[in-house]
Amino acid sequence: MAEDGYDQFDEDEPDGIPLSGKKRLFSKELRCMMYGFGDDQNPYTESVDLLEDLVIEYITDMTHQAMEIGRTGRVQVEDIIFLVRKDQRKYARVKDLLTMNEELKKARKAFDEVKYAVP
């Protein structure tokens, strides 16, 4: 069963960090998202931890892939766009978020100009 070298019931992650000692970065947000998608208001901690492990693994993999394309060793927005270009849902979401970010930058700049304008 454990042909790949990992014990099925191993309490350590492959990188050697114990599961209980990991700092959970997205627990609060994931709990809210899970509730929004129909889970219980207080989902099981194990479910949240599993989902967080999957999210962190996905982010890590995408970051490593992005570092290999474009300028090696650096992650740029264009690299992420390139990686998600074939997944229409992800591509559309990235474009929406980038557009919203630009609009927020313009709004902040306009607010600062009004705030610091001398009458």
N, C-alpha and C. Protein backbone atom coordinates (compact mmCIF):
# COMPACT_ATOMS: atom_id res chain seq x y z
N MET A 1 0.82 -1.20 0.00
CA MET A 1 0.00 0.00 0.00
C MET A 1 0.86 1.26 0.00
N ALA A 2 1.87 1.31 0.86
CA ALA A 2 2.70 2.51 0.97
C ALA A 2 3.91 2.37 0.07
N GLU A 3 3.68 2.19 -1.23
CA GLU A 3 4.75 1.97 -2.18
C GLU A 3 5.56 3.23 -2.44
N ASP A 4 4.97 4.40 -2.30
CA ASP A 4 5.66 5.63 -2.62
C ASP A 4 6.54 6.12 -1.48
N GLY A 5 6.65 5.38 -0.39
CA GLY A 5 7.55 5.74 0.69
C GLY A 5 6.89 6.49 1.83
N TYR A 6 5.64 6.85 1.68
CA TYR A 6 4.93 7.57 2.74
C TYR A 6 3.95 6.63 3.42
N ASP A 7 3.97 6.61 4.71
CA ASP A 7 3.02 5.82 5.46
C ASP A 7 1.67 6.50 5.41
N GLN A 8 0.63 5.74 5.24
CA GLN A 8 -0.71 6.31 5.10
C GLN A 8 -1.11 7.10 6.35
N PHE A 9 -0.65 6.67 7.51
CA PHE A 9 -1.05 7.31 8.75
C PHE A 9 0.08 8.15 9.34
N ASP A 10 1.00 8.59 8.53
CA ASP A 10 2.12 9.40 9.00
C ASP A 10 1.60 10.75 9.49
N GLU A 11 2.03 11.16 10.66
CA GLU A 11 1.57 12.41 11.25
C GLU A 11 2.38 13.61 10.78
N ASP A 12 3.45 13.40 10.02
CA ASP A 12 4.26 14.51 9.53
C ASP A 12 3.95 14.75 8.06
N GLU A 13 4.05 16.00 7.69
CA GLU A 13 3.95 16.35 6.28
C GLU A 13 5.23 15.88 5.59
N PRO A 14 5.24 15.78 4.26
CA PRO A 14 6.45 15.36 3.56
C PRO A 14 7.66 16.25 3.85
N ASP A 15 7.44 17.51 4.18
CA ASP A 15 8.57 18.39 4.46
C ASP A 15 9.03 18.29 5.91
N GLY A 16 8.45 17.39 6.69
CA GLY A 16 8.92 17.13 8.04
C GLY A 16 8.30 18.00 9.12
N ILE A 17 7.37 18.84 8.79
CA ILE A 17 6.72 19.70 9.78
C ILE A 17 5.51 18.96 10.33
N PRO A 18 5.44 18.78 11.64
CA PRO A 18 4.27 18.09 12.20
C PRO A 18 3.00 18.87 11.93
N LEU A 19 1.91 18.14 11.68
CA LEU A 19 0.63 18.79 11.40
C LEU A 19 0.18 19.67 12.56
N SER A 20 0.39 19.21 13.78
CA SER A 20 -0.09 19.97 14.94
C SER A 20 0.71 21.24 15.15
N GLY A 21 1.93 21.31 14.64
CA GLY A 21 2.78 22.47 14.85
C GLY A 21 2.69 23.51 13.76
N LYS A 22 1.90 23.27 12.73
CA LYS A 22 1.79 24.21 11.63
C LYS A 22 0.96 25.42 12.02
N LYS A 23 1.38 26.56 11.55
CA LYS A 23 0.59 27.76 11.77
C LYS A 23 -0.47 27.82 10.66
N ARG A 24 -1.68 27.93 11.05
CA ARG A 24 -2.78 27.97 10.10
C ARG A 24 -3.00 29.41 9.66
N LEU A 25 -2.84 29.66 8.38
CA LEU A 25 -2.91 31.02 7.85
C LEU A 25 -4.30 31.42 7.39
N PHE A 26 -5.07 30.46 6.89
CA PHE A 26 -6.33 30.79 6.24
C PHE A 26 -7.55 30.18 6.95
N SER A 27 -7.40 29.73 8.16
CA SER A 27 -8.49 29.01 8.83
C SER A 27 -9.77 29.83 8.92
N LYS A 28 -9.66 31.06 9.34
CA LYS A 28 -10.86 31.89 9.50
C LYS A 28 -11.57 32.10 8.16
N GLU A 29 -10.80 32.44 7.13
CA GLU A 29 -11.38 32.68 5.82
C GLU A 29 -11.99 31.41 5.23
N LEU A 30 -11.30 30.28 5.41
CA LEU A 30 -11.81 29.02 4.88
C LEU A 30 -13.09 28.60 5.59
N ARG A 31 -13.17 28.83 6.89
CA ARG A 31 -14.40 28.52 7.62
C ARG A 31 -15.57 29.33 7.06
N CYS A 32 -15.33 30.62 6.82
CA CYS A 32 -16.39 31.47 6.25
C CYS A 32 -16.77 31.01 4.85
N MET A 33 -15.78 30.64 4.04
CA MET A 33 -16.07 30.18 2.69
C MET A 33 -16.84 28.87 2.71
N MET A 34 -16.43 27.97 3.60
CA MET A 34 -17.13 26.69 3.70
C MET A 34 -18.58 26.90 4.11
N TYR A 35 -18.81 27.80 5.05
CA TYR A 35 -20.18 28.10 5.47
C TYR A 35 -20.96 28.72 4.31
N GLY A 36 -20.32 29.60 3.57
CA GLY A 36 -20.98 30.23 2.42
C GLY A 36 -21.34 29.24 1.33
N PHE A 37 -20.58 28.16 1.24
CA PHE A 37 -20.85 27.13 0.23
C PHE A 37 -21.70 25.99 0.78
N GLY A 38 -22.29 26.18 1.98
CA GLY A 38 -23.27 25.22 2.46
C GLY A 38 -22.83 24.32 3.59
N ASP A 39 -21.62 24.48 4.08
CA ASP A 39 -21.19 23.66 5.21
C ASP A 39 -21.79 24.21 6.50
N ASP A 40 -21.53 23.54 7.59
CA ASP A 40 -21.99 23.98 8.89
C ASP A 40 -21.31 25.29 9.26
N GLN A 41 -21.95 26.09 10.12
CA GLN A 41 -21.36 27.36 10.52
C GLN A 41 -20.02 27.15 11.23
N ASN A 42 -19.88 26.06 11.95
CA ASN A 42 -18.63 25.70 12.60
C ASN A 42 -18.17 24.36 12.05
N PRO A 43 -17.49 24.35 10.90
CA PRO A 43 -17.07 23.07 10.30
C PRO A 43 -16.01 22.39 11.16
N TYR A 44 -15.86 21.10 10.94
CA TYR A 44 -14.85 20.33 11.66
C TYR A 44 -13.47 20.93 11.41
N THR A 45 -12.69 21.00 12.47
CA THR A 45 -11.32 21.51 12.36
C THR A 45 -10.51 20.69 11.37
N GLU A 46 -10.72 19.39 11.36
CA GLU A 46 -9.99 18.51 10.44
C GLU A 46 -10.30 18.86 8.99
N SER A 47 -11.56 19.20 8.71
CA SER A 47 -11.95 19.58 7.35
C SER A 47 -11.27 20.88 6.94
N VAL A 48 -11.26 21.84 7.84
CA VAL A 48 -10.63 23.12 7.55
C VAL A 48 -9.13 22.94 7.35
N ASP A 49 -8.51 22.13 8.20
CA ASP A 49 -7.07 21.89 8.08
C ASP A 49 -6.73 21.19 6.77
N LEU A 50 -7.55 20.21 6.38
CA LEU A 50 -7.32 19.51 5.11
C LEU A 50 -7.45 20.49 3.94
N LEU A 51 -8.49 21.30 3.96
CA LEU A 51 -8.69 22.26 2.89
C LEU A 51 -7.54 23.27 2.84
N GLU A 52 -7.08 23.70 4.01
CA GLU A 52 -5.95 24.63 4.04
C GLU A 52 -4.68 24.00 3.49
N ASP A 53 -4.45 22.73 3.81
CA ASP A 53 -3.30 22.03 3.25
C ASP A 53 -3.38 22.00 1.73
N LEU A 54 -4.57 21.75 1.20
CA LEU A 54 -4.76 21.71 -0.26
C LEU A 54 -4.52 23.08 -0.88
N VAL A 55 -5.01 24.13 -0.23
CA VAL A 55 -4.84 25.49 -0.74
C VAL A 55 -3.36 25.86 -0.75
N ILE A 56 -2.67 25.57 0.33
CA ILE A 56 -1.24 25.92 0.41
C ILE A 56 -0.44 25.12 -0.60
N GLU A 57 -0.80 23.86 -0.79
CA GLU A 57 -0.12 23.04 -1.79
C GLU A 57 -0.34 23.62 -3.19
N TYR A 58 -1.57 24.05 -3.49
CA TYR A 58 -1.87 24.63 -4.80
C TYR A 58 -1.08 25.93 -5.00
N ILE A 59 -1.08 26.78 -4.00
CA ILE A 59 -0.35 28.05 -4.10
C ILE A 59 1.14 27.79 -4.29
N THR A 60 1.68 26.84 -3.55
CA THR A 60 3.10 26.51 -3.66
C THR A 60 3.43 25.99 -5.05
N ASP A 61 2.60 25.07 -5.56
CA ASP A 61 2.84 24.53 -6.90
C ASP A 61 2.76 25.62 -7.97
N MET A 62 1.75 26.47 -7.88
CA MET A 62 1.61 27.55 -8.86
C MET A 62 2.80 28.51 -8.79
N THR A 63 3.26 28.79 -7.59
CA THR A 63 4.40 29.69 -7.43
C THR A 63 5.66 29.08 -8.02
N HIS A 64 5.87 27.79 -7.78
CA HIS A 64 7.04 27.13 -8.35
C HIS A 64 6.97 27.12 -9.88
N GLN A 65 5.80 26.85 -10.42
CA GLN A 65 5.64 26.87 -11.87
C GLN A 65 5.87 28.26 -12.43
N ALA A 66 5.36 29.28 -11.75
CA ALA A 66 5.52 30.65 -12.21
C ALA A 66 6.98 31.08 -12.16
N MET A 67 7.73 30.56 -11.20
CA MET A 67 9.13 30.91 -11.09
C MET A 67 9.96 30.30 -12.21
N GLU A 68 9.46 29.22 -12.82
CA GLU A 68 10.20 28.56 -13.89
C GLU A 68 9.97 29.19 -15.25
N ILE A 69 8.87 29.93 -15.42
CA ILE A 69 8.61 30.56 -16.70
C ILE A 69 8.93 32.05 -16.58
N GLY A 70 8.97 32.72 -17.70
CA GLY A 70 9.27 34.15 -17.67
C GLY A 70 10.68 34.38 -17.15
N ARG A 71 10.83 35.36 -16.29
CA ARG A 71 12.12 35.62 -15.66
C ARG A 71 12.32 34.61 -14.55
N THR A 72 13.27 33.73 -14.72
CA THR A 72 13.50 32.65 -13.77
C THR A 72 13.80 33.22 -12.38
N GLY A 73 13.11 32.66 -11.38
CA GLY A 73 13.34 33.06 -10.01
C GLY A 73 12.45 34.20 -9.53
N ARG A 74 11.63 34.75 -10.42
CA ARG A 74 10.72 35.84 -10.05
C ARG A 74 9.31 35.49 -10.49
N VAL A 75 8.36 35.88 -9.68
CA VAL A 75 6.95 35.66 -10.03
C VAL A 75 6.36 37.01 -10.40
N GLN A 76 5.80 37.07 -11.60
CA GLN A 76 5.15 38.29 -12.05
C GLN A 76 3.71 37.97 -12.42
N VAL A 77 2.89 38.99 -12.46
CA VAL A 77 1.47 38.82 -12.76
C VAL A 77 1.28 38.10 -14.10
N GLU A 78 2.07 38.45 -15.07
CA GLU A 78 1.95 37.83 -16.39
C GLU A 78 2.19 36.32 -16.33
N ASP A 79 3.07 35.89 -15.43
CA ASP A 79 3.34 34.46 -15.29
C ASP A 79 2.11 33.72 -14.77
N ILE A 80 1.42 34.31 -13.81
CA ILE A 80 0.21 33.69 -13.26
C ILE A 80 -0.87 33.65 -14.34
N ILE A 81 -1.02 34.73 -15.08
CA ILE A 81 -2.00 34.77 -16.17
C ILE A 81 -1.68 33.67 -17.19
N PHE A 82 -0.41 33.51 -17.50
CA PHE A 82 0.00 32.48 -18.45
C PHE A 82 -0.37 31.09 -17.95
N LEU A 83 -0.20 30.84 -16.66
CA LEU A 83 -0.48 29.52 -16.10
C LEU A 83 -1.97 29.19 -16.08
N VAL A 84 -2.82 30.19 -15.90
CA VAL A 84 -4.26 29.92 -15.80
C VAL A 84 -5.01 30.20 -17.10
N ARG A 85 -4.30 30.49 -18.16
CA ARG A 85 -4.94 30.91 -19.42
C ARG A 85 -5.89 29.88 -20.01
N LYS A 86 -5.65 28.59 -19.77
CA LYS A 86 -6.49 27.55 -20.36
C LYS A 86 -7.72 27.22 -19.51
N ASP A 87 -7.71 27.64 -18.25
CA ASP A 87 -8.87 27.44 -17.37
C ASP A 87 -9.68 28.73 -17.39
N GLN A 88 -10.77 28.72 -18.13
CA GLN A 88 -11.53 29.95 -18.36
C GLN A 88 -12.05 30.59 -17.08
N ARG A 89 -12.47 29.79 -16.11
CA ARG A 89 -13.00 30.35 -14.85
C ARG A 89 -11.89 31.06 -14.08
N LYS A 90 -10.74 30.42 -13.97
CA LYS A 90 -9.63 31.04 -13.25
C LYS A 90 -9.13 32.27 -13.98
N TYR A 91 -9.04 32.16 -15.31
CA TYR A 91 -8.57 33.28 -16.12
C TYR A 91 -9.50 34.49 -15.96
N ALA A 92 -10.81 34.25 -16.02
CA ALA A 92 -11.77 35.34 -15.86
C ALA A 92 -11.67 35.96 -14.47
N ARG A 93 -11.49 35.12 -13.46
CA ARG A 93 -11.38 35.64 -12.09
C ARG A 93 -10.12 36.47 -11.90
N VAL A 94 -9.01 36.01 -12.47
CA VAL A 94 -7.76 36.77 -12.38
C VAL A 94 -7.93 38.12 -13.07
N LYS A 95 -8.54 38.12 -14.24
CA LYS A 95 -8.76 39.38 -14.96
C LYS A 95 -9.66 40.32 -14.16
N ASP A 96 -10.73 39.78 -13.56
CA ASP A 96 -11.63 40.61 -12.74
C ASP A 96 -10.88 41.21 -11.55
N LEU A 97 -10.08 40.40 -10.88
CA LEU A 97 -9.34 40.89 -9.72
C LEU A 97 -8.31 41.94 -10.11
N LEU A 98 -7.65 41.75 -11.23
CA LEU A 98 -6.66 42.74 -11.69
C LEU A 98 -7.34 44.05 -12.08
N THR A 99 -8.49 43.96 -12.73
CA THR A 99 -9.25 45.15 -13.10
C THR A 99 -9.71 45.89 -11.85
N MET A 100 -10.22 45.15 -10.88
CA MET A 100 -10.68 45.76 -9.64
C MET A 100 -9.52 46.42 -8.89
N ASN A 101 -8.36 45.78 -8.92
CA ASN A 101 -7.18 46.35 -8.27
C ASN A 101 -6.79 47.68 -8.91
N GLU A 102 -6.84 47.74 -10.23
CA GLU A 102 -6.52 49.00 -10.92
C GLU A 102 -7.53 50.09 -10.58
N GLU A 103 -8.81 49.72 -10.52
CA GLU A 103 -9.84 50.70 -10.16
C GLU A 103 -9.64 51.21 -8.74
N LEU A 104 -9.28 50.32 -7.83
CA LEU A 104 -9.02 50.74 -6.44
C LEU A 104 -7.82 51.67 -6.36
N LYS A 105 -6.77 51.38 -7.13
CA LYS A 105 -5.59 52.26 -7.15
C LYS A 105 -5.97 53.65 -7.64
N LYS A 106 -6.77 53.71 -8.71
CA LYS A 106 -7.19 55.01 -9.25
C LYS A 106 -8.05 55.75 -8.24
N ALA A 107 -8.95 55.05 -7.56
CA ALA A 107 -9.82 55.69 -6.57
C ALA A 107 -9.00 56.21 -5.40
N ARG A 108 -8.02 55.45 -4.93
CA ARG A 108 -7.17 55.91 -3.83
C ARG A 108 -6.37 57.14 -4.24
N LYS A 109 -5.84 57.10 -5.46
CA LYS A 109 -5.06 58.23 -5.95
C LYS A 109 -5.93 59.48 -6.04
N ALA A 110 -7.14 59.35 -6.57
CA ALA A 110 -8.05 60.48 -6.67
C ALA A 110 -8.44 60.99 -5.28
N PHE A 111 -8.65 60.10 -4.33
CA PHE A 111 -8.99 60.48 -2.96
C PHE A 111 -7.82 61.24 -2.32
N ASP A 112 -6.61 60.73 -2.52
CA ASP A 112 -5.43 61.40 -1.95
C ASP A 112 -5.22 62.79 -2.56
N GLU A 113 -5.49 62.92 -3.86
CA GLU A 113 -5.33 64.22 -4.51
C GLU A 113 -6.34 65.22 -3.94
N VAL A 114 -7.56 64.78 -3.70
CA VAL A 114 -8.58 65.67 -3.13
C VAL A 114 -8.24 65.98 -1.68
N LYS A 115 -7.76 64.99 -0.95
CA LYS A 115 -7.44 65.15 0.47
C LYS A 115 -6.32 66.15 0.69
N TYR A 116 -5.30 66.09 -0.17
CA TYR A 116 -4.13 66.93 0.02
C TYR A 116 -4.16 68.20 -0.85
N ALA A 117 -5.22 68.43 -1.55
CA ALA A 117 -5.33 69.63 -2.39
C ALA A 117 -5.48 70.86 -1.49
N VAL A 118 -4.79 71.89 -1.88
CA VAL A 118 -4.85 73.15 -1.12
C VAL A 118 -5.98 73.99 -1.73
N PRO A 119 -6.95 74.40 -0.90
CA PRO A 119 -8.08 75.18 -1.44
C PRO A 119 -7.70 76.58 -1.88
